[in-house]
Amino acid sequence: MKLHSSSTEKYQTVTGYDRSGVEINAQRFDYSVLVMPEVAPRPWPVARFEDLKAEHFEAIAADKPDVVILGTGERQRFVHPRLVASLSNLRIGVESMDSHAACRTYNILMGEGRKVTLALIIDTHEGTKAE
């Protein structure tokens, strides 16, 4: 018996996540990505949280999502408001959370039909840490 609606199968869904990457519709990405429900995932040129710049968020603003879910790695970290000003000025919300929570939250919002962007940082400098 099916317990879940199949309406999300045509959308970009997070199907797995670990420290070194994410799976979107069972396709592996070992680098930071931007994920939106109806657009193929695309690389996001952010190697580490510390590398974030206003320009990274300006690129997201061009897509005009309702909300941005920022996955910041193993722990929740918050960006300085000046970095996300381009989003705030357009009344686009930004929620920062650890990457596991970000992936789950993205799937929930996407399943509700929200125009959401997952901005997921895969820290390529810490990929060798033991779990």
C-alpha atoms as a PDB file:
ATOM      1  CA  MET A   1       0.000   0.000   0.000  1.00  0.00           C
ATOM      2  CA  LYS A   2       1.279   3.431  -0.931  1.00  0.00           C
ATOM      3  CA  LEU A   3       1.407   5.813   1.987  1.00  0.00           C
ATOM      4  CA  HIS A   4       2.827   8.822   0.179  1.00  0.00           C
ATOM      5  CA  SER A   5       1.496  10.793  -2.732  1.00  0.00           C
ATOM      6  CA  SER A   6       3.537  10.426  -5.903  1.00  0.00           C
ATOM      7  CA  SER A   7       2.973  14.058  -6.912  1.00  0.00           C
ATOM      8  CA  THR A   8       6.591  15.029  -6.112  1.00  0.00           C
ATOM      9  CA  GLU A   9       8.204  12.500  -8.473  1.00  0.00           C
ATOM     10  CA  LYS A  10       8.573  15.056 -11.270  1.00  0.00           C
ATOM     11  CA  TYR A  11      10.358  17.509  -8.970  1.00  0.00           C
ATOM     12  CA  GLN A  12      13.932  17.782  -7.683  1.00  0.00           C
ATOM     13  CA  THR A  13      13.834  15.847  -4.404  1.00  0.00           C
ATOM     14  CA  VAL A  14      16.652  15.224  -1.930  1.00  0.00           C
ATOM     15  CA  THR A  15      16.979  11.444  -1.782  1.00  0.00           C
ATOM     16  CA  GLY A  16      20.131  11.221   0.356  1.00  0.00           C
ATOM     17  CA  TYR A  17      22.709  13.275   2.199  1.00  0.00           C
ATOM     18  CA  ASP A  18      26.021  12.773   3.991  1.00  0.00           C
ATOM     19  CA  ARG A  19      29.021  14.938   4.897  1.00  0.00           C
ATOM     20  CA  SER A  20      30.587  14.735   1.470  1.00  0.00           C
ATOM     21  CA  GLY A  21      27.577  15.237  -0.765  1.00  0.00           C
ATOM     22  CA  VAL A  22      23.896  15.116  -1.515  1.00  0.00           C
ATOM     23  CA  GLU A  23      21.680  13.015  -3.782  1.00  0.00           C
ATOM     24  CA  ILE A  24      18.993  14.730  -5.790  1.00  0.00           C
ATOM     25  CA  ASN A  25      16.628  12.221  -7.414  1.00  0.00           C
ATOM     26  CA  ALA A  26      19.334   9.578  -6.728  1.00  0.00           C
ATOM     27  CA  GLN A  27      22.018  11.569  -8.589  1.00  0.00           C
ATOM     28  CA  ARG A  28      25.078  12.339  -6.453  1.00  0.00           C
ATOM     29  CA  PHE A  29      26.568  15.845  -6.096  1.00  0.00           C
ATOM     30  CA  ASP A  30      29.879  16.211  -4.242  1.00  0.00           C
ATOM     31  CA  TYR A  31      29.895  20.007  -4.334  1.00  0.00           C
ATOM     32  CA  SER A  32      27.690  22.867  -3.146  1.00  0.00           C
ATOM     33  CA  VAL A  33      24.453  23.112  -5.092  1.00  0.00           C
ATOM     34  CA  LEU A  34      21.318  25.162  -5.571  1.00  0.00           C
ATOM     35  CA  VAL A  35      18.192  23.028  -5.789  1.00  0.00           C
ATOM     36  CA  MET A  36      14.742  24.186  -6.838  1.00  0.00           C
ATOM     37  CA  PRO A  37      11.684  22.012  -7.410  1.00  0.00           C
ATOM     38  CA  GLU A  38      11.313  22.453 -11.170  1.00  0.00           C
ATOM     39  CA  VAL A  39      14.900  23.244 -12.228  1.00  0.00           C
ATOM     40  CA  ALA A  40      17.846  20.867 -12.504  1.00  0.00           C
ATOM     41  CA  PRO A  41      20.329  21.307  -9.621  1.00  0.00           C
ATOM     42  CA  ARG A  42      23.165  23.656 -10.437  1.00  0.00           C
ATOM     43  CA  PRO A  43      26.588  24.194  -8.873  1.00  0.00           C
ATOM     44  CA  TRP A  44      26.843  26.927  -6.255  1.00  0.00           C
ATOM     45  CA  PRO A  45      30.402  28.330  -6.064  1.00  0.00           C
ATOM     46  CA  VAL A  46      30.682  28.213  -2.257  1.00  0.00           C
ATOM     47  CA  ALA A  47      33.330  25.834  -0.919  1.00  0.00           C
ATOM     48  CA  ARG A  48      32.939  26.805   2.761  1.00  0.00           C
ATOM     49  CA  PHE A  49      30.561  28.807   4.934  1.00  0.00           C
ATOM     50  CA  GLU A  50      33.320  31.345   5.503  1.00  0.00           C
ATOM     51  CA  ASP A  51      33.473  31.978   1.729  1.00  0.00           C
ATOM     52  CA  LEU A  52      29.892  33.298   1.485  1.00  0.00           C
ATOM     53  CA  LYS A  53      29.526  36.700  -0.186  1.00  0.00           C
ATOM     54  CA  ALA A  54      26.588  38.905  -1.055  1.00  0.00           C
ATOM     55  CA  GLU A  55      27.009  37.909  -4.722  1.00  0.00           C
ATOM     56  CA  HIS A  56      26.149  34.292  -3.877  1.00  0.00           C
ATOM     57  CA  PHE A  57      22.751  35.391  -2.606  1.00  0.00           C
ATOM     58  CA  GLU A  58      22.194  37.894  -5.413  1.00  0.00           C
ATOM     59  CA  ALA A  59      22.353  34.952  -7.843  1.00  0.00           C
ATOM     60  CA  ILE A  60      19.596  33.233  -5.841  1.00  0.00           C
ATOM     61  CA  ALA A  61      17.488  36.418  -5.784  1.00  0.00           C
ATOM     62  CA  ALA A  62      17.315  36.313  -9.586  1.00  0.00           C
ATOM     63  CA  ASP A  63      15.287  33.067  -9.296  1.00  0.00           C
ATOM     64  CA  LYS A  64      12.703  34.825  -7.079  1.00  0.00           C
ATOM     65  CA  PRO A  65      11.934  31.998  -4.649  1.00  0.00           C
ATOM     66  CA  ASP A  66       9.532  32.507  -1.733  1.00  0.00           C
ATOM     67  CA  VAL A  67      12.098  31.188   0.730  1.00  0.00           C
ATOM     68  CA  VAL A  68      15.723  30.055   0.741  1.00  0.00           C
ATOM     69  CA  ILE A  69      16.793  27.164   2.942  1.00  0.00           C
ATOM     70  CA  LEU A  70      20.522  27.507   3.613  1.00  0.00           C
ATOM     71  CA  GLY A  71      22.246  24.274   4.603  1.00  0.00           C
ATOM     72  CA  THR A  72      25.400  25.266   6.496  1.00  0.00           C
ATOM     73  CA  GLY A  73      27.059  21.881   7.037  1.00  0.00           C
ATOM     74  CA  GLU A  74      27.192  19.786  10.183  1.00  0.00           C
ATOM     75  CA  ARG A  75      26.041  22.614  12.428  1.00  0.00           C
ATOM     76  CA  GLN A  76      23.652  25.511  12.103  1.00  0.00           C
ATOM     77  CA  ARG A  77      25.345  28.815  11.352  1.00  0.00           C
ATOM     78  CA  PHE A  78      23.829  32.184  10.608  1.00  0.00           C
ATOM     79  CA  VAL A  79      24.833  34.555   7.813  1.00  0.00           C
ATOM     80  CA  HIS A  80      25.307  38.252   8.404  1.00  0.00           C
ATOM     81  CA  PRO A  81      22.200  40.212   7.321  1.00  0.00           C
ATOM     82  CA  ARG A  82      24.240  42.320   4.881  1.00  0.00           C
ATOM     83  CA  LEU A  83      25.012  39.156   2.879  1.00  0.00           C
ATOM     84  CA  VAL A  84      21.342  38.366   2.332  1.00  0.00           C
ATOM     85  CA  ALA A  85      20.167  41.962   1.833  1.00  0.00           C
ATOM     86  CA  SER A  86      19.359  41.307  -1.836  1.00  0.00           C
ATOM     87  CA  LEU A  87      16.901  38.615  -0.707  1.00  0.00           C
ATOM     88  CA  SER A  88      15.488  40.608   2.211  1.00  0.00           C
ATOM     89  CA  ASN A  89      14.844  43.599  -0.058  1.00  0.00           C
ATOM     90  CA  LEU A  90      12.675  41.346  -2.235  1.00  0.00           C
ATOM     91  CA  ARG A  91      10.886  39.942   0.830  1.00  0.00           C
ATOM     92  CA  ILE A  92      12.475  36.526   0.299  1.00  0.00           C
ATOM     93  CA  GLY A  93      12.994  34.715   3.584  1.00  0.00           C
ATOM     94  CA  VAL A  94      16.248  32.949   4.444  1.00  0.00           C
ATOM     95  CA  GLU A  95      16.364  30.134   6.982  1.00  0.00           C
ATOM     96  CA  SER A  96      19.748  28.794   8.074  1.00  0.00           C
ATOM     97  CA  MET A  97      20.021  25.280   9.455  1.00  0.00           C
ATOM     98  CA  ASP A  98      22.368  22.328   9.518  1.00  0.00           C
ATOM     99  CA  SER A  99      22.425  20.542   6.179  1.00  0.00           C
ATOM    100  CA  HIS A 100      20.474  17.461   7.307  1.00  0.00           C
ATOM    101  CA  ALA A 101      17.618  19.656   8.558  1.00  0.00           C
ATOM    102  CA  ALA A 102      17.855  21.825   5.432  1.00  0.00           C
ATOM    103  CA  CYS A 103      17.419  18.806   3.146  1.00  0.00           C
ATOM    104  CA  ARG A 104      14.399  17.564   5.103  1.00  0.00           C
ATOM    105  CA  THR A 105      12.830  21.032   5.232  1.00  0.00           C
ATOM    106  CA  TYR A 106      13.361  21.579   1.506  1.00  0.00           C
ATOM    107  CA  ASN A 107      11.578  18.286   0.726  1.00  0.00           C
ATOM    108  CA  ILE A 108       8.630  19.235   2.945  1.00  0.00           C
ATOM    109  CA  LEU A 109       8.240  22.713   1.460  1.00  0.00           C
ATOM    110  CA  MET A 110       8.718  21.442  -2.081  1.00  0.00           C
ATOM    111  CA  GLY A 111       6.069  18.776  -1.441  1.00  0.00           C
ATOM    112  CA  GLU A 112       3.674  21.514  -0.318  1.00  0.00           C
ATOM    113  CA  GLY A 113       4.156  23.266  -3.658  1.00  0.00           C
ATOM    114  CA  ARG A 114       6.199  26.155  -2.255  1.00  0.00           C
ATOM    115  CA  LYS A 115       8.666  28.014  -4.453  1.00  0.00           C
ATOM    116  CA  VAL A 116      11.719  27.123  -2.382  1.00  0.00           C
ATOM    117  CA  THR A 117      15.445  27.097  -3.052  1.00  0.00           C
ATOM    118  CA  LEU A 118      17.844  24.831  -1.189  1.00  0.00           C
ATOM    119  CA  ALA A 119      21.285  26.453  -1.031  1.00  0.00           C
ATOM    120  CA  LEU A 120      23.443  23.632   0.258  1.00  0.00           C
ATOM    121  CA  ILE A 121      27.077  24.083   1.226  1.00  0.00           C
ATOM    122  CA  ILE A 122      29.161  20.951   0.799  1.00  0.00           C
ATOM    123  CA  ASP A 123      32.404  21.860   2.556  1.00  0.00           C
ATOM    124  CA  THR A 124      35.050  20.361   0.285  1.00  0.00           C
ATOM    125  CA  HIS A 125      37.724  21.169   2.881  1.00  0.00           C
ATOM    126  CA  GLU A 126      36.318  18.867   5.579  1.00  0.00           C
ATOM    127  CA  GLY A 127      35.310  15.828   3.546  1.00  0.00           C
ATOM    128  CA  THR A 128      37.781  13.478   5.213  1.00  0.00           C
ATOM    129  CA  LYS A 129      36.464  13.702   8.802  1.00  0.00           C
ATOM    130  CA  ALA A 130      35.278  10.478  10.395  1.00  0.00           C
ATOM    131  CA  GLU A 131      31.555  10.153  11.213  1.00  0.00           C
END
